[in-house]
C-alpha atoms as a PDB file:
ATOM      1  CA  UNK A   1      -9.856 -13.466   3.038  1.00  0.00           C
ATOM      2  CA  UNK A   2      -6.122 -13.351   3.519  1.00  0.00           C
ATOM      3  CA  UNK A   3      -4.710 -11.868   6.721  1.00  0.00           C
ATOM      4  CA  UNK A   4      -1.434 -10.214   7.579  1.00  0.00           C
ATOM      5  CA  UNK A   5       0.597 -11.766  10.376  1.00  0.00           C
ATOM      6  CA  UNK A   6       3.154  -8.976  10.737  1.00  0.00           C
ATOM      7  CA  UNK A   7       4.053  -5.495   9.525  1.00  0.00           C
ATOM      8  CA  UNK A   8       6.123  -5.327   6.340  1.00  0.00           C
ATOM      9  CA  UNK A   9       7.566  -2.834   3.845  1.00  0.00           C
ATOM     10  CA  UNK A  10       8.320  -2.675   0.150  1.00  0.00           C
ATOM     11  CA  UNK A  11       9.802   0.023  -2.049  1.00  0.00           C
ATOM     12  CA  UNK A  12      12.142   2.917  -1.480  1.00  0.00           C
ATOM     13  CA  UNK A  13      11.845   6.517  -0.333  1.00  0.00           C
ATOM     14  CA  UNK A  14      13.352   7.747  -3.610  1.00  0.00           C
ATOM     15  CA  UNK A  15      12.232   9.756  -6.637  1.00  0.00           C
ATOM     16  CA  UNK A  16       9.689   7.929  -8.860  1.00  0.00           C
ATOM     17  CA  UNK A  17       9.086   5.245  -6.234  1.00  0.00           C
ATOM     18  CA  UNK A  18       6.912   4.680  -3.178  1.00  0.00           C
ATOM     19  CA  UNK A  19       7.653   3.296   0.271  1.00  0.00           C
ATOM     20  CA  UNK A  20       4.728   1.105   1.303  1.00  0.00           C
ATOM     21  CA  UNK A  21       4.194  -0.214   4.834  1.00  0.00           C
ATOM     22  CA  UNK A  22       1.405  -2.640   5.712  1.00  0.00           C
ATOM     23  CA  UNK A  23       0.259  -3.458   9.235  1.00  0.00           C
ATOM     24  CA  UNK A  24      -2.434  -5.817  10.515  1.00  0.00           C
ATOM     25  CA  UNK A  25      -5.523  -4.199  12.056  1.00  0.00           C
ATOM     26  CA  UNK A  26      -8.763  -5.664  13.422  1.00  0.00           C
ATOM     27  CA  UNK A  27     -10.782  -5.290  10.219  1.00  0.00           C
ATOM     28  CA  UNK A  28     -11.247  -3.177   7.121  1.00  0.00           C
ATOM     29  CA  UNK A  29      -8.694  -1.370   4.992  1.00  0.00           C
ATOM     30  CA  UNK A  30      -7.155   1.918   6.128  1.00  0.00           C
ATOM     31  CA  UNK A  31      -5.004   4.049   3.843  1.00  0.00           C
ATOM     32  CA  UNK A  32      -2.579   6.753   4.946  1.00  0.00           C
ATOM     33  CA  UNK A  33      -1.014   8.608   2.011  1.00  0.00           C
ATOM     34  CA  UNK A  34       1.775  11.174   1.917  1.00  0.00           C
ATOM     35  CA  UNK A  35       2.518  12.702  -1.475  1.00  0.00           C
ATOM     36  CA  UNK A  36       3.522  16.017  -3.034  1.00  0.00           C
ATOM     37  CA  UNK A  37       0.859  15.462  -5.695  1.00  0.00           C
ATOM     38  CA  UNK A  38      -1.965  14.509  -3.327  1.00  0.00           C
ATOM     39  CA  UNK A  39      -4.159  17.421  -4.464  1.00  0.00           C
ATOM     40  CA  UNK A  40      -4.016  16.382  -8.115  1.00  0.00           C
ATOM     41  CA  UNK A  41      -3.755  12.588  -7.852  1.00  0.00           C
ATOM     42  CA  UNK A  42      -4.594  11.633  -4.261  1.00  0.00           C
ATOM     43  CA  UNK A  43      -7.945  10.043  -5.101  1.00  0.00           C
ATOM     44  CA  UNK A  44      -6.413   8.042  -7.962  1.00  0.00           C
ATOM     45  CA  UNK A  45      -3.512   6.817  -5.810  1.00  0.00           C
ATOM     46  CA  UNK A  46      -5.859   5.796  -2.977  1.00  0.00           C
ATOM     47  CA  UNK A  47      -8.060   3.974  -5.486  1.00  0.00           C
ATOM     48  CA  UNK A  48      -5.073   2.003  -6.819  1.00  0.00           C
ATOM     49  CA  UNK A  49      -4.047   1.055  -3.266  1.00  0.00           C
ATOM     50  CA  UNK A  50      -7.565   0.045  -2.198  1.00  0.00           C
ATOM     51  CA  UNK A  51      -8.259  -1.985  -5.346  1.00  0.00           C
ATOM     52  CA  UNK A  52      -4.895  -3.744  -5.103  1.00  0.00           C
ATOM     53  CA  UNK A  53      -5.511  -4.814  -1.495  1.00  0.00           C
ATOM     54  CA  UNK A  54      -9.060  -5.988  -2.312  1.00  0.00           C
ATOM     55  CA  UNK A  55      -8.015  -7.873  -5.461  1.00  0.00           C
ATOM     56  CA  UNK A  56      -5.277  -9.641  -3.481  1.00  0.00           C
ATOM     57  CA  UNK A  57      -7.993 -10.811  -1.058  1.00  0.00           C
ATOM     58  CA  UNK A  58      -6.815  -9.092   2.123  1.00  0.00           C
ATOM     59  CA  UNK A  59      -8.812  -7.632   4.987  1.00  0.00           C
ATOM     60  CA  UNK A  60      -7.632  -6.072   8.237  1.00  0.00           C
ATOM     61  CA  UNK A  61      -4.838  -4.016   6.677  1.00  0.00           C
ATOM     62  CA  UNK A  62      -3.493  -0.527   7.302  1.00  0.00           C
ATOM     63  CA  UNK A  63      -1.483   0.689   4.310  1.00  0.00           C
ATOM     64  CA  UNK A  64       0.872   3.644   4.719  1.00  0.00           C
ATOM     65  CA  UNK A  65       2.330   5.025   1.492  1.00  0.00           C
ATOM     66  CA  UNK A  66       5.028   7.662   1.102  1.00  0.00           C
ATOM     67  CA  UNK A  67       4.726   8.492  -2.591  1.00  0.00           C
ATOM     68  CA  UNK A  68       7.530  10.147  -4.518  1.00  0.00           C
ATOM     69  CA  UNK A  69       5.694  10.550  -7.856  1.00  0.00           C
ATOM     70  CA  UNK A  70       5.481   6.816  -8.555  1.00  0.00           C
ATOM     71  CA  UNK A  71       3.423   5.487 -11.463  1.00  0.00           C
ATOM     72  CA  UNK A  72       0.303   3.459 -10.685  1.00  0.00           C
ATOM     73  CA  UNK A  73       1.965   0.156 -11.644  1.00  0.00           C
ATOM     74  CA  UNK A  74       4.835   0.884  -9.259  1.00  0.00           C
ATOM     75  CA  UNK A  75       2.465   1.579  -6.380  1.00  0.00           C
ATOM     76  CA  UNK A  76       0.531  -1.615  -7.145  1.00  0.00           C
ATOM     77  CA  UNK A  77       3.737  -3.680  -7.227  1.00  0.00           C
ATOM     78  CA  UNK A  78       4.947  -2.187  -3.936  1.00  0.00           C
ATOM     79  CA  UNK A  79       1.607  -2.846  -2.212  1.00  0.00           C
ATOM     80  CA  UNK A  80       1.581  -6.455  -3.439  1.00  0.00           C
ATOM     81  CA  UNK A  81       5.185  -6.942  -2.331  1.00  0.00           C
ATOM     82  CA  UNK A  82       4.479  -5.603   1.159  1.00  0.00           C
ATOM     83  CA  UNK A  83       1.356  -7.773   1.482  1.00  0.00           C
ATOM     84  CA  UNK A  84       3.304 -10.865   0.440  1.00  0.00           C
ATOM     85  CA  UNK A  85       6.056 -10.151   2.976  1.00  0.00           C
ATOM     86  CA  UNK A  86       3.548  -9.430   5.742  1.00  0.00           C
ATOM     87  CA  UNK A  87       1.593 -12.620   5.205  1.00  0.00           C
ATOM     88  CA  UNK A  88       4.557 -14.900   5.912  1.00  0.00           C
ATOM     89  CA  UNK A  89       5.442 -15.733   9.500  1.00  0.00           C
END
């Protein structure tokens, strides 16, 4: 399993994008999501985030996402970018 060594961000707090922050935690994967469409798409967004972190092989990650109506592929790219930045010392 890959581990984060520091907190990192990817994305922008702008329309049709998502600002993703990752932080190292003891174990597991925690997701904190803020979105205007959380009632309709919250479960789907959380699923994309969780699956992306797992597929990348990480454990011990807290992911905070401020969604501004981003598409799934954008969220996935932002999560992967933040994980990559956080894994480098």
